[in-house]
Amino acid sequence: MRTGLTTAALTLIPTAAFAHPAIGDAHGFVAGFAHPLGGLDHVLAMVTVGIFAWQLGGRALWLVPATFVLAMAAGGVLGMAGVPVPFVELGIAASVIVLGAVVAFARRAPVAIAVGLVGVFAIFHGHAHGTEMPLDATGGAYAAGFMLATALLHAAGIALGFAIGRIAHGRAAYQLGGSLVALAGVAILTHLI
């Protein structure tokens, strides 16, 4: 009798764990957080957005990354909803090339142009995140995860931009780093074609 009760109790434990609300939310958040960190193209673009924002300075320091995160969220919604966006992978590769070149050449773009540029590229990145959402994840938690990871990558880029600017040959370091990012983008692009 005692063995039967113990066996019955042990078989019910796993299903009891699924009765807790928001367990899928945690899974969705972790999956969303991991997605931008799992692809070199995403990491390079998002860190470079931070460096670009640092180079521009002023209100671009927060406006450029914030625009990227918000436009990426919109792209993520499109991806989750199954709305097609043409040339997503090409857009992501182009973002790495263009953002790397912008950092390398240290172009002082007006904030409106910088915001527009990163906003367009962010839609491609967000769409990729949205279409690759796991079926058992909740959309809100998944989006919160990839938005937080992206914001942290932007912050890392801002910190890297600050650190590069403090070294003796900062301009040359920006040129070298941006050029390497752009070349990585070309490699990603050639892999797609």
N, C-alpha and C. Protein backbone atom coordinates (compact mmCIF):
# COMPACT_ATOMS: atom_id res chain seq x y z
N MET A 1 0.82 -1.20 0.00
CA MET A 1 0.00 0.00 0.00
C MET A 1 0.86 1.26 0.00
N ARG A 2 1.86 1.26 0.88
CA ARG A 2 2.75 2.42 0.98
C ARG A 2 3.53 2.61 -0.32
N THR A 3 4.00 1.54 -0.93
CA THR A 3 4.73 1.62 -2.19
C THR A 3 3.84 2.17 -3.29
N GLY A 4 2.60 1.77 -3.32
CA GLY A 4 1.66 2.26 -4.33
C GLY A 4 1.41 3.75 -4.20
N LEU A 5 1.27 4.24 -2.96
CA LEU A 5 1.07 5.68 -2.74
C LEU A 5 2.31 6.48 -3.12
N THR A 6 3.47 5.94 -2.77
CA THR A 6 4.73 6.63 -3.13
C THR A 6 4.88 6.70 -4.63
N THR A 7 4.60 5.60 -5.32
CA THR A 7 4.71 5.57 -6.78
C THR A 7 3.73 6.56 -7.41
N ALA A 8 2.51 6.58 -6.92
CA ALA A 8 1.51 7.52 -7.44
C ALA A 8 1.94 8.96 -7.22
N ALA A 9 2.47 9.26 -6.05
CA ALA A 9 2.92 10.62 -5.75
C ALA A 9 4.07 11.03 -6.66
N LEU A 10 5.01 10.13 -6.87
CA LEU A 10 6.16 10.45 -7.72
C LEU A 10 5.75 10.65 -9.18
N THR A 11 4.74 9.92 -9.64
CA THR A 11 4.32 10.11 -11.03
C THR A 11 3.56 11.41 -11.23
N LEU A 12 2.99 11.96 -10.16
CA LEU A 12 2.26 13.22 -10.27
C LEU A 12 3.15 14.44 -10.14
N ILE A 13 4.35 14.30 -9.63
CA ILE A 13 5.24 15.44 -9.41
C ILE A 13 5.57 16.17 -10.72
N PRO A 14 5.96 15.48 -11.80
CA PRO A 14 6.27 16.24 -13.02
C PRO A 14 5.10 17.05 -13.56
N THR A 15 3.87 16.52 -13.49
CA THR A 15 2.74 17.29 -14.00
C THR A 15 2.39 18.44 -13.07
N ALA A 16 2.67 18.29 -11.79
CA ALA A 16 2.43 19.39 -10.86
C ALA A 16 3.33 20.57 -11.19
N ALA A 17 4.51 20.29 -11.66
CA ALA A 17 5.44 21.37 -12.00
C ALA A 17 4.90 22.21 -13.17
N PHE A 18 4.17 21.58 -14.08
CA PHE A 18 3.62 22.31 -15.21
C PHE A 18 2.40 23.15 -14.83
N ALA A 19 1.90 22.97 -13.62
CA ALA A 19 0.75 23.75 -13.18
C ALA A 19 1.13 25.16 -12.77
N HIS A 20 2.40 25.43 -12.61
CA HIS A 20 2.83 26.77 -12.21
C HIS A 20 2.71 27.71 -13.39
N PRO A 21 2.05 28.84 -13.21
CA PRO A 21 1.91 29.78 -14.32
C PRO A 21 3.25 30.42 -14.67
N ALA A 22 3.36 30.81 -15.91
CA ALA A 22 4.51 31.56 -16.44
C ALA A 22 5.74 30.72 -16.66
N ILE A 23 5.64 29.38 -16.59
CA ILE A 23 6.82 28.56 -16.86
C ILE A 23 7.24 28.73 -18.32
N GLY A 24 6.27 28.86 -19.23
CA GLY A 24 6.59 29.09 -20.64
C GLY A 24 7.17 30.47 -20.86
N ASP A 25 6.79 31.43 -20.00
CA ASP A 25 7.34 32.77 -20.11
C ASP A 25 8.84 32.76 -19.85
N ALA A 26 9.27 31.99 -18.85
CA ALA A 26 10.70 31.90 -18.55
C ALA A 26 11.44 31.28 -19.73
N HIS A 27 10.88 30.23 -20.30
CA HIS A 27 11.50 29.59 -21.46
C HIS A 27 11.57 30.57 -22.63
N GLY A 28 10.48 31.29 -22.86
CA GLY A 28 10.46 32.24 -23.97
C GLY A 28 11.46 33.36 -23.77
N PHE A 29 11.56 33.87 -22.55
CA PHE A 29 12.52 34.94 -22.26
C PHE A 29 13.94 34.47 -22.51
N VAL A 30 14.29 33.28 -22.03
CA VAL A 30 15.65 32.75 -22.19
C VAL A 30 15.94 32.52 -23.67
N ALA A 31 14.98 31.96 -24.41
CA ALA A 31 15.18 31.73 -25.84
C ALA A 31 15.37 33.06 -26.57
N GLY A 32 14.55 34.05 -26.21
CA GLY A 32 14.68 35.36 -26.85
C GLY A 32 16.01 36.03 -26.52
N PHE A 33 16.43 35.91 -25.26
CA PHE A 33 17.69 36.51 -24.84
C PHE A 33 18.87 35.86 -25.56
N ALA A 34 18.79 34.55 -25.77
CA ALA A 34 19.90 33.82 -26.39
C ALA A 34 20.00 34.07 -27.89
N HIS A 35 18.87 34.38 -28.53
CA HIS A 35 18.89 34.46 -30.00
C HIS A 35 19.88 35.50 -30.55
N PRO A 36 19.87 36.75 -30.10
CA PRO A 36 20.84 37.71 -30.65
C PRO A 36 22.29 37.34 -30.33
N LEU A 37 22.50 36.65 -29.22
CA LEU A 37 23.85 36.28 -28.81
C LEU A 37 24.38 35.08 -29.58
N GLY A 38 23.49 34.37 -30.26
CA GLY A 38 23.88 33.14 -30.94
C GLY A 38 24.33 33.32 -32.37
N GLY A 39 24.27 34.51 -32.89
CA GLY A 39 24.67 34.72 -34.28
C GLY A 39 25.68 35.85 -34.39
N LEU A 40 26.79 35.58 -35.04
CA LEU A 40 27.84 36.59 -35.20
C LEU A 40 27.33 37.83 -35.90
N ASP A 41 26.44 37.63 -36.88
CA ASP A 41 25.90 38.78 -37.61
C ASP A 41 25.14 39.72 -36.68
N HIS A 42 24.33 39.16 -35.79
CA HIS A 42 23.58 39.99 -34.85
C HIS A 42 24.52 40.69 -33.86
N VAL A 43 25.46 39.94 -33.31
CA VAL A 43 26.39 40.52 -32.33
C VAL A 43 27.18 41.67 -32.95
N LEU A 44 27.73 41.44 -34.14
CA LEU A 44 28.53 42.49 -34.79
C LEU A 44 27.70 43.74 -35.06
N ALA A 45 26.50 43.56 -35.60
CA ALA A 45 25.66 44.72 -35.92
C ALA A 45 25.28 45.48 -34.66
N MET A 46 24.90 44.77 -33.62
CA MET A 46 24.38 45.44 -32.43
C MET A 46 25.48 46.13 -31.62
N VAL A 47 26.64 45.51 -31.54
CA VAL A 47 27.77 46.17 -30.87
C VAL A 47 28.21 47.38 -31.68
N THR A 48 28.20 47.25 -32.99
CA THR A 48 28.61 48.36 -33.85
C THR A 48 27.62 49.52 -33.77
N VAL A 49 26.35 49.25 -33.56
CA VAL A 49 25.38 50.32 -33.34
C VAL A 49 25.78 51.13 -32.11
N GLY A 50 26.21 50.43 -31.06
CA GLY A 50 26.66 51.12 -29.85
C GLY A 50 27.89 51.98 -30.10
N ILE A 51 28.84 51.44 -30.85
CA ILE A 51 30.05 52.22 -31.17
C ILE A 51 29.68 53.44 -32.02
N PHE A 52 28.81 53.24 -33.00
CA PHE A 52 28.34 54.34 -33.85
C PHE A 52 27.67 55.42 -33.01
N ALA A 53 26.82 55.02 -32.07
CA ALA A 53 26.16 55.98 -31.19
C ALA A 53 27.19 56.74 -30.36
N TRP A 54 28.22 56.04 -29.88
CA TRP A 54 29.28 56.69 -29.11
C TRP A 54 30.01 57.73 -29.97
N GLN A 55 30.31 57.37 -31.21
CA GLN A 55 31.01 58.30 -32.09
C GLN A 55 30.19 59.56 -32.34
N LEU A 56 28.88 59.40 -32.47
CA LEU A 56 28.03 60.56 -32.73
C LEU A 56 27.87 61.42 -31.47
N GLY A 57 27.77 60.77 -30.32
CA GLY A 57 27.66 61.48 -29.05
C GLY A 57 26.35 62.22 -28.89
N GLY A 58 26.27 63.01 -27.84
CA GLY A 58 25.06 63.80 -27.57
C GLY A 58 23.84 62.92 -27.40
N ARG A 59 22.73 63.39 -27.92
CA ARG A 59 21.49 62.63 -27.78
C ARG A 59 21.48 61.36 -28.62
N ALA A 60 22.37 61.26 -29.61
CA ALA A 60 22.48 60.03 -30.40
C ALA A 60 22.92 58.85 -29.53
N LEU A 61 23.58 59.16 -28.44
CA LEU A 61 24.09 58.12 -27.54
C LEU A 61 22.97 57.24 -27.01
N TRP A 62 21.80 57.80 -26.79
CA TRP A 62 20.67 56.99 -26.34
C TRP A 62 19.63 56.81 -27.44
N LEU A 63 19.52 57.78 -28.35
CA LEU A 63 18.47 57.74 -29.36
C LEU A 63 18.72 56.66 -30.42
N VAL A 64 19.96 56.52 -30.85
CA VAL A 64 20.28 55.52 -31.88
C VAL A 64 20.02 54.10 -31.36
N PRO A 65 20.57 53.71 -30.20
CA PRO A 65 20.27 52.35 -29.71
C PRO A 65 18.79 52.15 -29.39
N ALA A 66 18.13 53.16 -28.83
CA ALA A 66 16.71 53.01 -28.50
C ALA A 66 15.88 52.80 -29.76
N THR A 67 16.21 53.53 -30.81
CA THR A 67 15.50 53.36 -32.08
C THR A 67 15.70 51.95 -32.61
N PHE A 68 16.94 51.46 -32.52
CA PHE A 68 17.21 50.10 -33.00
C PHE A 68 16.34 49.10 -32.24
N VAL A 69 16.31 49.21 -30.92
CA VAL A 69 15.54 48.25 -30.11
C VAL A 69 14.05 48.32 -30.45
N LEU A 70 13.51 49.51 -30.59
CA LEU A 70 12.07 49.66 -30.88
C LEU A 70 11.72 49.18 -32.29
N ALA A 71 12.55 49.54 -33.27
CA ALA A 71 12.29 49.08 -34.64
C ALA A 71 12.47 47.57 -34.74
N MET A 72 13.43 47.04 -33.99
CA MET A 72 13.64 45.59 -33.97
C MET A 72 12.41 44.90 -33.39
N ALA A 73 11.82 45.47 -32.35
CA ALA A 73 10.61 44.90 -31.76
C ALA A 73 9.48 44.88 -32.79
N ALA A 74 9.35 45.95 -33.57
CA ALA A 74 8.33 45.99 -34.63
C ALA A 74 8.60 44.90 -35.67
N GLY A 75 9.84 44.74 -36.05
CA GLY A 75 10.19 43.66 -36.98
C GLY A 75 9.92 42.29 -36.39
N GLY A 76 10.17 42.16 -35.09
CA GLY A 76 9.89 40.90 -34.41
C GLY A 76 8.41 40.57 -34.43
N VAL A 77 7.56 41.57 -34.24
CA VAL A 77 6.11 41.36 -34.30
C VAL A 77 5.71 40.89 -35.70
N LEU A 78 6.29 41.51 -36.72
CA LEU A 78 6.00 41.09 -38.10
C LEU A 78 6.40 39.63 -38.31
N GLY A 79 7.59 39.26 -37.80
CA GLY A 79 8.05 37.89 -37.94
C GLY A 79 7.18 36.90 -37.19
N MET A 80 6.79 37.24 -35.98
CA MET A 80 5.92 36.36 -35.18
C MET A 80 4.56 36.19 -35.84
N ALA A 81 4.08 37.25 -36.48
CA ALA A 81 2.77 37.20 -37.14
C ALA A 81 2.82 36.53 -38.51
N GLY A 82 4.02 36.20 -38.97
CA GLY A 82 4.16 35.54 -40.26
C GLY A 82 4.08 36.48 -41.45
N VAL A 83 4.22 37.78 -41.20
CA VAL A 83 4.20 38.76 -42.29
C VAL A 83 5.57 38.72 -42.98
N PRO A 84 5.59 38.43 -44.26
CA PRO A 84 6.88 38.33 -44.94
C PRO A 84 7.56 39.69 -45.13
N VAL A 85 8.85 39.70 -44.92
CA VAL A 85 9.69 40.86 -45.22
C VAL A 85 10.75 40.35 -46.19
N PRO A 86 10.84 40.94 -47.37
CA PRO A 86 11.80 40.42 -48.35
C PRO A 86 13.25 40.70 -47.96
N PHE A 87 14.11 39.78 -48.36
CA PHE A 87 15.57 39.93 -48.24
C PHE A 87 16.06 40.14 -46.81
N VAL A 88 15.49 39.42 -45.85
CA VAL A 88 15.86 39.60 -44.45
C VAL A 88 17.34 39.29 -44.24
N GLU A 89 17.79 38.15 -44.71
CA GLU A 89 19.20 37.76 -44.48
C GLU A 89 20.16 38.71 -45.20
N LEU A 90 19.78 39.14 -46.39
CA LEU A 90 20.61 40.12 -47.10
C LEU A 90 20.64 41.45 -46.36
N GLY A 91 19.51 41.85 -45.79
CA GLY A 91 19.45 43.08 -45.00
C GLY A 91 20.32 43.01 -43.76
N ILE A 92 20.35 41.84 -43.13
CA ILE A 92 21.19 41.67 -41.94
C ILE A 92 22.66 41.75 -42.33
N ALA A 93 23.04 41.07 -43.41
CA ALA A 93 24.43 41.14 -43.87
C ALA A 93 24.80 42.57 -44.26
N ALA A 94 23.90 43.25 -44.95
CA ALA A 94 24.15 44.64 -45.34
C ALA A 94 24.31 45.53 -44.11
N SER A 95 23.56 45.23 -43.04
CA SER A 95 23.69 46.04 -41.83
C SER A 95 25.09 45.93 -41.24
N VAL A 96 25.65 44.74 -41.27
CA VAL A 96 27.00 44.55 -40.74
C VAL A 96 28.01 45.31 -41.59
N ILE A 97 27.86 45.23 -42.91
CA ILE A 97 28.78 45.92 -43.82
C ILE A 97 28.69 47.44 -43.64
N VAL A 98 27.48 47.96 -43.71
CA VAL A 98 27.29 49.42 -43.66
C VAL A 98 27.67 49.98 -42.30
N LEU A 99 27.23 49.34 -41.23
CA LEU A 99 27.57 49.86 -39.90
C LEU A 99 29.08 49.78 -39.64
N GLY A 100 29.71 48.71 -40.09
CA GLY A 100 31.17 48.63 -39.97
C GLY A 100 31.86 49.74 -40.73
N ALA A 101 31.38 50.02 -41.95
CA ALA A 101 31.98 51.09 -42.77
C ALA A 101 31.75 52.46 -42.13
N VAL A 102 30.57 52.67 -41.58
CA VAL A 102 30.26 53.96 -40.95
C VAL A 102 31.21 54.19 -39.77
N VAL A 103 31.45 53.16 -38.97
CA VAL A 103 32.38 53.29 -37.84
C VAL A 103 33.80 53.49 -38.34
N ALA A 104 34.20 52.73 -39.36
CA ALA A 104 35.57 52.83 -39.89
C ALA A 104 35.86 54.24 -40.42
N PHE A 105 34.90 54.81 -41.12
CA PHE A 105 35.11 56.13 -41.70
C PHE A 105 34.73 57.27 -40.76
N ALA A 106 34.20 56.91 -39.58
CA ALA A 106 33.82 57.88 -38.55
C ALA A 106 32.98 59.01 -39.15
N ARG A 107 31.96 58.63 -39.90
CA ARG A 107 31.10 59.61 -40.55
C ARG A 107 30.19 60.26 -39.52
N ARG A 108 30.21 61.55 -39.46
CA ARG A 108 29.36 62.33 -38.53
C ARG A 108 28.02 62.57 -39.21
N ALA A 109 27.15 61.61 -39.12
CA ALA A 109 25.83 61.74 -39.73
C ALA A 109 24.91 62.53 -38.82
N PRO A 110 23.97 63.27 -39.40
CA PRO A 110 22.93 63.88 -38.56
C PRO A 110 22.16 62.78 -37.82
N VAL A 111 21.68 63.11 -36.65
CA VAL A 111 21.00 62.11 -35.82
C VAL A 111 19.81 61.50 -36.55
N ALA A 112 19.07 62.32 -37.30
CA ALA A 112 17.90 61.80 -38.02
C ALA A 112 18.29 60.73 -39.03
N ILE A 113 19.40 60.92 -39.73
CA ILE A 113 19.86 59.93 -40.70
C ILE A 113 20.36 58.68 -39.98
N ALA A 114 21.09 58.86 -38.88
CA ALA A 114 21.58 57.71 -38.11
C ALA A 114 20.42 56.88 -37.58
N VAL A 115 19.40 57.55 -37.07
CA VAL A 115 18.22 56.86 -36.54
C VAL A 115 17.50 56.12 -37.67
N GLY A 116 17.34 56.75 -38.81
CA GLY A 116 16.70 56.09 -39.95
C GLY A 116 17.47 54.88 -40.42
N LEU A 117 18.79 55.02 -40.50
CA LEU A 117 19.64 53.92 -40.95
C LEU A 117 19.52 52.72 -40.02
N VAL A 118 19.71 52.93 -38.72
CA VAL A 118 19.65 51.80 -37.80
C VAL A 118 18.23 51.25 -37.69
N GLY A 119 17.24 52.12 -37.85
CA GLY A 119 15.85 51.65 -37.79
C GLY A 119 15.51 50.68 -38.90
N VAL A 120 15.96 50.98 -40.11
CA VAL A 120 15.71 50.07 -41.24
C VAL A 120 16.40 48.73 -41.01
N PHE A 121 17.66 48.77 -40.60
CA PHE A 121 18.39 47.52 -40.37
C PHE A 121 17.78 46.73 -39.22
N ALA A 122 17.28 47.42 -38.22
CA ALA A 122 16.70 46.74 -37.05
C ALA A 122 15.47 45.93 -37.42
N ILE A 123 14.71 46.38 -38.40
CA ILE A 123 13.53 45.63 -38.83
C ILE A 123 13.94 44.25 -39.34
N PHE A 124 15.02 44.18 -40.09
CA PHE A 124 15.51 42.89 -40.58
C PHE A 124 15.93 41.98 -39.42
N HIS A 125 16.68 42.54 -38.49
CA HIS A 125 17.13 41.75 -37.34
C HIS A 125 15.92 41.27 -36.53
N GLY A 126 14.98 42.16 -36.29
CA GLY A 126 13.80 41.79 -35.52
C GLY A 126 12.96 40.73 -36.21
N HIS A 127 12.81 40.85 -37.52
CA HIS A 127 12.04 39.86 -38.27
C HIS A 127 12.68 38.48 -38.13
N ALA A 128 14.00 38.44 -38.22
CA ALA A 128 14.69 37.15 -38.05
C ALA A 128 14.44 36.58 -36.66
N HIS A 129 14.50 37.43 -35.65
CA HIS A 129 14.22 36.96 -34.29
C HIS A 129 12.78 36.43 -34.19
N GLY A 130 11.84 37.19 -34.73
CA GLY A 130 10.43 36.82 -34.63
C GLY A 130 10.09 35.53 -35.34
N THR A 131 10.64 35.32 -36.52
CA THR A 131 10.31 34.10 -37.28
C THR A 131 10.96 32.87 -36.65
N GLU A 132 12.00 33.06 -35.86
CA GLU A 132 12.68 31.91 -35.24
C GLU A 132 12.26 31.69 -33.79
N MET A 133 11.14 32.30 -33.38
CA MET A 133 10.63 32.09 -32.03
C MET A 133 10.19 30.64 -31.87
N PRO A 134 10.61 29.98 -30.79
CA PRO A 134 10.15 28.59 -30.55
C PRO A 134 8.63 28.54 -30.42
N LEU A 135 8.05 27.46 -30.87
CA LEU A 135 6.59 27.32 -30.86
C LEU A 135 6.02 27.35 -29.45
N ASP A 136 6.78 26.88 -28.46
CA ASP A 136 6.26 26.82 -27.09
C ASP A 136 6.59 28.06 -26.28
N ALA A 137 7.13 29.09 -26.91
CA ALA A 137 7.47 30.34 -26.21
C ALA A 137 6.31 31.32 -26.33
N THR A 138 6.16 32.17 -25.33
CA THR A 138 5.17 33.24 -25.43
C THR A 138 5.84 34.45 -26.09
N GLY A 139 5.08 35.12 -26.94
CA GLY A 139 5.65 36.22 -27.73
C GLY A 139 6.20 37.36 -26.90
N GLY A 140 5.47 37.77 -25.86
CA GLY A 140 5.92 38.89 -25.04
C GLY A 140 7.22 38.60 -24.31
N ALA A 141 7.31 37.42 -23.72
CA ALA A 141 8.52 37.06 -22.98
C ALA A 141 9.70 36.90 -23.94
N TYR A 142 9.44 36.29 -25.09
CA TYR A 142 10.49 36.10 -26.09
C TYR A 142 11.01 37.46 -26.57
N ALA A 143 10.10 38.37 -26.87
CA ALA A 143 10.49 39.71 -27.33
C ALA A 143 11.25 40.46 -26.25
N ALA A 144 10.80 40.34 -25.00
CA ALA A 144 11.52 41.00 -23.90
C ALA A 144 12.94 40.47 -23.81
N GLY A 145 13.12 39.18 -24.03
CA GLY A 145 14.46 38.59 -23.99
C GLY A 145 15.36 39.12 -25.08
N PHE A 146 14.88 39.14 -26.34
CA PHE A 146 15.78 39.61 -27.39
C PHE A 146 15.99 41.12 -27.34
N MET A 147 15.02 41.85 -26.80
CA MET A 147 15.21 43.29 -26.65
C MET A 147 16.25 43.61 -25.56
N LEU A 148 16.21 42.87 -24.46
CA LEU A 148 17.19 43.09 -23.40
C LEU A 148 18.59 42.71 -23.87
N ALA A 149 18.74 41.57 -24.55
CA ALA A 149 20.05 41.16 -25.05
C ALA A 149 20.60 42.20 -26.02
N THR A 150 19.73 42.72 -26.87
CA THR A 150 20.16 43.75 -27.83
C THR A 150 20.60 45.01 -27.12
N ALA A 151 19.84 45.45 -26.13
CA ALA A 151 20.21 46.65 -25.38
C ALA A 151 21.56 46.45 -24.67
N LEU A 152 21.80 45.26 -24.15
CA LEU A 152 23.08 44.99 -23.50
C LEU A 152 24.22 44.97 -24.52
N LEU A 153 23.98 44.46 -25.72
CA LEU A 153 25.01 44.50 -26.77
C LEU A 153 25.28 45.95 -27.19
N HIS A 154 24.25 46.77 -27.25
CA HIS A 154 24.46 48.20 -27.54
C HIS A 154 25.29 48.85 -26.44
N ALA A 155 24.98 48.54 -25.19
CA ALA A 155 25.75 49.09 -24.07
C ALA A 155 27.21 48.65 -24.14
N ALA A 156 27.43 47.40 -24.53
CA ALA A 156 28.81 46.91 -24.69
C ALA A 156 29.51 47.69 -25.81
N GLY A 157 28.79 47.99 -26.88
CA GLY A 157 29.36 48.78 -27.97
C GLY A 157 29.70 50.20 -27.54
N ILE A 158 28.82 50.79 -26.74
CA ILE A 158 29.08 52.14 -26.23
C ILE A 158 30.33 52.11 -25.34
N ALA A 159 30.42 51.11 -24.47
CA ALA A 159 31.60 50.99 -23.61
C ALA A 159 32.86 50.76 -24.43
N LEU A 160 32.76 49.94 -25.47
CA LEU A 160 33.92 49.70 -26.35
C LEU A 160 34.29 50.97 -27.09
N GLY A 161 33.30 51.71 -27.57
CA GLY A 161 33.58 52.98 -28.24
C GLY A 161 34.29 53.95 -27.31
N PHE A 162 33.84 54.01 -26.07
CA PHE A 162 34.49 54.86 -25.08
C PHE A 162 35.93 54.42 -24.86
N ALA A 163 36.15 53.10 -24.71
CA ALA A 163 37.50 52.58 -24.46
C ALA A 163 38.42 52.84 -25.65
N ILE A 164 37.92 52.65 -26.85
CA ILE A 164 38.74 52.90 -28.05
C ILE A 164 39.10 54.38 -28.13
N GLY A 165 38.15 55.25 -27.81
CA GLY A 165 38.40 56.68 -27.86
C GLY A 165 39.44 57.15 -26.86
N ARG A 166 39.70 56.37 -25.82
CA ARG A 166 40.65 56.75 -24.78
C ARG A 166 42.08 56.32 -25.08
N ILE A 167 42.27 55.45 -26.08
CA ILE A 167 43.64 55.00 -26.36
C ILE A 167 44.33 55.99 -27.30
N ALA A 168 45.64 55.89 -27.34
CA ALA A 168 46.45 56.86 -28.09
C ALA A 168 46.08 56.93 -29.57
N HIS A 169 45.85 55.80 -30.18
CA HIS A 169 45.55 55.77 -31.62
C HIS A 169 44.10 55.34 -31.84
N GLY A 170 43.20 56.03 -31.16
CA GLY A 170 41.79 55.67 -31.20
C GLY A 170 41.20 55.71 -32.59
N ARG A 171 41.53 56.73 -33.36
CA ARG A 171 40.98 56.84 -34.72
C ARG A 171 41.39 55.65 -35.57
N ALA A 172 42.64 55.25 -35.46
CA ALA A 172 43.11 54.08 -36.22
C ALA A 172 42.42 52.81 -35.73
N ALA A 173 42.15 52.73 -34.43
CA ALA A 173 41.46 51.56 -33.89
C ALA A 173 40.02 51.50 -34.39
N TYR A 174 39.35 52.65 -34.46
CA TYR A 174 38.00 52.68 -35.03
C TYR A 174 38.04 52.22 -36.49
N GLN A 175 39.03 52.71 -37.23
CA GLN A 175 39.15 52.34 -38.64
C GLN A 175 39.39 50.85 -38.81
N LEU A 176 40.31 50.32 -38.01
CA LEU A 176 40.60 48.89 -38.09
C LEU A 176 39.40 48.05 -37.67
N GLY A 177 38.81 48.38 -36.52
CA GLY A 177 37.67 47.61 -36.04
C GLY A 177 36.48 47.67 -36.97
N GLY A 178 36.15 48.87 -37.43
CA GLY A 178 35.03 49.02 -38.37
C GLY A 178 35.28 48.28 -39.67
N SER A 179 36.53 48.33 -40.16
CA SER A 179 36.87 47.61 -41.39
C SER A 179 36.73 46.11 -41.21
N LEU A 180 37.15 45.60 -40.07
CA LEU A 180 37.02 44.16 -39.81
C LEU A 180 35.56 43.75 -39.72
N VAL A 181 34.74 44.59 -39.11
CA VAL A 181 33.29 44.30 -39.05
C VAL A 181 32.72 44.29 -40.47
N ALA A 182 33.06 45.29 -41.28
CA ALA A 182 32.55 45.35 -42.65
C ALA A 182 33.00 44.13 -43.46
N LEU A 183 34.26 43.73 -43.29
CA LEU A 183 34.74 42.53 -43.98
C LEU A 183 34.01 41.28 -43.53
N ALA A 184 33.71 41.19 -42.24
CA ALA A 184 32.92 40.07 -41.75
C ALA A 184 31.54 40.07 -42.39
N GLY A 185 30.98 41.26 -42.58
CA GLY A 185 29.69 41.38 -43.26
C GLY A 185 29.75 40.90 -44.70
N VAL A 186 30.85 41.22 -45.38
CA VAL A 186 31.03 40.76 -46.75
C VAL A 186 31.12 39.23 -46.76
N ALA A 187 31.83 38.66 -45.80
CA ALA A 187 31.93 37.19 -45.71
C ALA A 187 30.55 36.57 -45.47
N ILE A 188 29.77 37.20 -44.59
CA ILE A 188 28.40 36.69 -44.33
C ILE A 188 27.57 36.79 -45.60
N LEU A 189 27.70 37.89 -46.32
CA LEU A 189 26.95 38.09 -47.55
C LEU A 189 27.32 37.06 -48.61
N THR A 190 28.61 36.79 -48.78
CA THR A 190 29.04 35.82 -49.79
C THR A 190 28.59 34.42 -49.42
N HIS A 191 28.45 34.15 -48.14
CA HIS A 191 27.96 32.84 -47.71
C HIS A 191 26.47 32.68 -48.09
N LEU A 192 25.74 33.78 -48.13
CA LEU A 192 24.32 33.75 -48.47
C LEU A 192 24.08 33.58 -49.96
N ILE A 193 25.02 34.08 -50.76
CA ILE A 193 24.80 34.08 -52.22
C ILE A 193 25.26 32.79 -52.84
